[in-house]
């Protein structure tokens, strides 16, 4: 019984961690984008 408990806790932790990393990557990807005009002389 204890082994199943630990395995389930680890699996849940890994799922939460993966979701957090996906969310974190989505947020940081939008902040670093700089829009530039088509004509660089402007």
PDB file of N, CA and C in Angstrom:
ATOM      1  N   UNK A   1       0.816  -1.187   0.000  1.00  0.00           N
ATOM      2  CA  UNK A   1       0.000   0.000   0.000  1.00  0.00           C
ATOM      3  C   UNK A   1       0.866   1.260   0.000  1.00  0.00           C
ATOM      4  N   UNK A   2       1.913   1.277   0.750  1.00  0.00           N
ATOM      5  CA  UNK A   2       2.775   2.456   0.824  1.00  0.00           C
ATOM      6  C   UNK A   2       3.444   2.722  -0.521  1.00  0.00           C
ATOM      7  N   UNK A   3       3.846   1.679  -1.233  1.00  0.00           N
ATOM      8  CA  UNK A   3       4.494   1.876  -2.523  1.00  0.00           C
ATOM      9  C   UNK A   3       3.554   2.555  -3.507  1.00  0.00           C
ATOM     10  N   UNK A   4       2.309   2.131  -3.543  1.00  0.00           N
ATOM     11  CA  UNK A   4       1.347   2.774  -4.443  1.00  0.00           C
ATOM     12  C   UNK A   4       1.161   4.234  -4.075  1.00  0.00           C
ATOM     13  N   UNK A   5       1.138   4.532  -2.801  1.00  0.00           N
ATOM     14  CA  UNK A   5       0.980   5.910  -2.351  1.00  0.00           C
ATOM     15  C   UNK A   5       2.135   6.772  -2.841  1.00  0.00           C
ATOM     16  N   UNK A   6       3.347   6.290  -2.664  1.00  0.00           N
ATOM     17  CA  UNK A   6       4.515   7.068  -3.078  1.00  0.00           C
ATOM     18  C   UNK A   6       4.557   7.240  -4.597  1.00  0.00           C
ATOM     19  N   UNK A   7       4.229   6.201  -5.326  1.00  0.00           N
ATOM     20  CA  UNK A   7       4.229   6.304  -6.780  1.00  0.00           C
ATOM     21  C   UNK A   7       3.190   7.304  -7.260  1.00  0.00           C
ATOM     22  N   UNK A   8       2.016   7.289  -6.651  1.00  0.00           N
ATOM     23  CA  UNK A   8       0.959   8.219  -7.026  1.00  0.00           C
ATOM     24  C   UNK A   8       1.364   9.651  -6.699  1.00  0.00           C
ATOM     25  N   UNK A   9       1.975   9.861  -5.546  1.00  0.00           N
ATOM     26  CA  UNK A   9       2.425  11.203  -5.167  1.00  0.00           C
ATOM     27  C   UNK A   9       3.473  11.713  -6.154  1.00  0.00           C
ATOM     28  N   UNK A  10       4.398  10.856  -6.527  1.00  0.00           N
ATOM     29  CA  UNK A  10       5.452  11.245  -7.474  1.00  0.00           C
ATOM     30  C   UNK A  10       4.855  11.580  -8.840  1.00  0.00           C
ATOM     31  N   UNK A  11       3.907  10.749  -9.303  1.00  0.00           N
ATOM     32  CA  UNK A  11       3.268  10.986 -10.598  1.00  0.00           C
ATOM     33  C   UNK A  11       2.506  12.303 -10.590  1.00  0.00           C
ATOM     34  N   UNK A  12       1.766  12.564  -9.526  1.00  0.00           N
ATOM     35  CA  UNK A  12       1.022  13.820  -9.419  1.00  0.00           C
ATOM     36  C   UNK A  12       1.967  15.018  -9.401  1.00  0.00           C
ATOM     37  N   UNK A  13       3.074  14.878  -8.684  1.00  0.00           N
ATOM     38  CA  UNK A  13       4.065  15.954  -8.629  1.00  0.00           C
ATOM     39  C   UNK A  13       4.633  16.236 -10.019  1.00  0.00           C
ATOM     40  N   UNK A  14       4.979  15.182 -10.745  1.00  0.00           N
ATOM     41  CA  UNK A  14       5.548  15.361 -12.085  1.00  0.00           C
ATOM     42  C   UNK A  14       4.540  16.025 -13.023  1.00  0.00           C
ATOM     43  N   UNK A  15       3.261  15.675 -12.905  1.00  0.00           N
ATOM     44  CA  UNK A  15       2.231  16.282 -13.741  1.00  0.00           C
ATOM     45  C   UNK A  15       2.077  17.763 -13.421  1.00  0.00           C
ATOM     46  N   UNK A  16       2.059  18.108 -12.137  1.00  0.00           N
ATOM     47  CA  UNK A  16       1.947  19.515 -11.754  1.00  0.00           C
ATOM     48  C   UNK A  16       3.161  20.303 -12.223  1.00  0.00           C
ATOM     49  N   UNK A  17       4.334  19.703 -12.101  1.00  0.00           N
ATOM     50  CA  UNK A  17       5.566  20.365 -12.518  1.00  0.00           C
ATOM     51  C   UNK A  17       5.563  20.621 -14.027  1.00  0.00           C
ATOM     52  N   UNK A  18       5.128  19.622 -14.801  1.00  0.00           N
ATOM     53  CA  UNK A  18       5.081  19.779 -16.254  1.00  0.00           C
ATOM     54  C   UNK A  18       4.094  20.871 -16.652  1.00  0.00           C
ATOM     55  N   UNK A  19       2.947  20.915 -16.000  1.00  0.00           N
ATOM     56  CA  UNK A  19       1.956  21.949 -16.300  1.00  0.00           C
ATOM     57  C   UNK A  19       2.514  23.328 -15.955  1.00  0.00           C
ATOM     58  N   UNK A  20       3.190  23.438 -14.832  1.00  0.00           N
ATOM     59  CA  UNK A  20       3.775  24.713 -14.418  1.00  0.00           C
ATOM     60  C   UNK A  20       4.832  25.172 -15.423  1.00  0.00           C
ATOM     61  N   UNK A  21       5.667  24.239 -15.887  1.00  0.00           N
ATOM     62  CA  UNK A  21       6.697  24.601 -16.849  1.00  0.00           C
ATOM     63  C   UNK A  21       6.085  25.037 -18.179  1.00  0.00           C
ATOM     64  N   UNK A  22       5.020  24.352 -18.621  1.00  0.00           N
ATOM     65  CA  UNK A  22       4.355  24.766 -19.861  1.00  0.00           C
ATOM     66  C   UNK A  22       3.792  26.169 -19.714  1.00  0.00           C
ATOM     67  N   UNK A  23       3.171  26.464 -18.586  1.00  0.00           N
ATOM     68  CA  UNK A  23       2.599  27.781 -18.353  1.00  0.00           C
ATOM     69  C   UNK A  23       3.706  28.833 -18.286  1.00  0.00           C
ATOM     70  N   UNK A  24       4.788  28.513 -17.612  1.00  0.00           N
ATOM     71  CA  UNK A  24       5.905  29.450 -17.472  1.00  0.00           C
ATOM     72  C   UNK A  24       6.510  29.775 -18.831  1.00  0.00           C
ATOM     73  N   UNK A  25       6.694  28.776 -19.661  1.00  0.00           N
ATOM     74  CA  UNK A  25       7.269  29.013 -20.987  1.00  0.00           C
ATOM     75  C   UNK A  25       6.363  29.878 -21.838  1.00  0.00           C
ATOM     76  N   UNK A  26       5.067  29.677 -21.742  1.00  0.00           N
ATOM     77  CA  UNK A  26       4.120  30.473 -22.529  1.00  0.00           C
ATOM     78  C   UNK A  26       4.149  31.929 -22.142  1.00  0.00           C
ATOM     79  N   UNK A  27       4.323  32.228 -20.883  1.00  0.00           N
ATOM     80  CA  UNK A  27       4.341  33.607 -20.408  1.00  0.00           C
ATOM     81  C   UNK A  27       5.624  34.307 -20.835  1.00  0.00           C
ATOM     82  N   UNK A  28       6.759  33.661 -20.667  1.00  0.00           N
ATOM     83  CA  UNK A  28       8.028  34.315 -20.972  1.00  0.00           C
ATOM     84  C   UNK A  28       8.223  34.482 -22.467  1.00  0.00           C
ATOM     85  N   UNK A  29       7.626  33.628 -23.287  1.00  0.00           N
ATOM     86  CA  UNK A  29       7.813  33.729 -24.727  1.00  0.00           C
ATOM     87  C   UNK A  29       7.210  35.027 -25.264  1.00  0.00           C
ATOM     88  N   UNK A  30       6.118  35.484 -24.699  1.00  0.00           N
ATOM     89  CA  UNK A  30       5.465  36.690 -25.175  1.00  0.00           C
ATOM     90  C   UNK A  30       6.158  37.961 -24.740  1.00  0.00           C
ATOM     91  N   UNK A  31       6.851  37.964 -23.640  1.00  0.00           N
ATOM     92  CA  UNK A  31       7.477  39.177 -23.115  1.00  0.00           C
ATOM     93  C   UNK A  31       8.717  39.590 -23.900  1.00  0.00           C
ATOM     94  N   UNK A  32       9.428  38.656 -24.445  1.00  0.00           N
ATOM     95  CA  UNK A  32      10.708  38.953 -25.078  1.00  0.00           C
ATOM     96  C   UNK A  32      10.579  39.385 -26.534  1.00  0.00           C
ATOM     97  N   UNK A  33       9.367  39.393 -27.065  1.00  0.00           N
ATOM     98  CA  UNK A  33       9.170  39.718 -28.469  1.00  0.00           C
ATOM     99  C   UNK A  33       9.153  41.235 -28.658  1.00  0.00           C
ATOM    100  N   UNK A  34       9.985  41.734 -29.569  1.00  0.00           N
ATOM    101  CA  UNK A  34      10.031  43.163 -29.880  1.00  0.00           C
ATOM    102  C   UNK A  34       9.526  43.338 -31.307  1.00  0.00           C
ATOM    103  N   UNK A  35       8.507  44.169 -31.476  1.00  0.00           N
ATOM    104  CA  UNK A  35       8.006  44.422 -32.818  1.00  0.00           C
ATOM    105  C   UNK A  35       8.836  45.524 -33.451  1.00  0.00           C
ATOM    106  N   UNK A  36       9.240  45.273 -34.666  1.00  0.00           N
ATOM    107  CA  UNK A  36      10.037  46.246 -35.398  1.00  0.00           C
ATOM    108  C   UNK A  36       9.330  46.635 -36.673  1.00  0.00           C
ATOM    109  N   UNK A  37       9.473  47.864 -37.116  1.00  0.00           N
ATOM    110  CA  UNK A  37       8.834  48.265 -38.365  1.00  0.00           C
ATOM    111  C   UNK A  37       9.480  47.539 -39.546  1.00  0.00           C
ATOM    112  N   UNK A  38       8.755  47.468 -40.639  1.00  0.00           N
ATOM    113  CA  UNK A  38       9.284  46.798 -41.819  1.00  0.00           C
ATOM    114  C   UNK A  38      10.499  47.524 -42.365  1.00  0.00           C
ATOM    115  N   UNK A  39      10.444  48.850 -42.345  1.00  0.00           N
ATOM    116  CA  UNK A  39      11.550  49.646 -42.846  1.00  0.00           C
ATOM    117  C   UNK A  39      12.430  50.033 -41.658  1.00  0.00           C
ATOM    118  N   UNK A  40      13.664  49.567 -41.633  1.00  0.00           N
ATOM    119  CA  UNK A  40      14.560  49.818 -40.506  1.00  0.00           C
ATOM    120  C   UNK A  40      14.955  51.289 -40.383  1.00  0.00           C
ATOM    121  N   UNK A  41      14.802  52.085 -41.437  1.00  0.00           N
ATOM    122  CA  UNK A  41      15.200  53.490 -41.371  1.00  0.00           C
ATOM    123  C   UNK A  41      14.201  54.335 -40.571  1.00  0.00           C
ATOM    124  N   UNK A  42      13.043  53.794 -40.291  1.00  0.00           N
ATOM    125  CA  UNK A  42      12.057  54.588 -39.530  1.00  0.00           C
ATOM    126  C   UNK A  42      12.427  54.702 -38.115  1.00  0.00           C
TER     127      UNK A  42
END
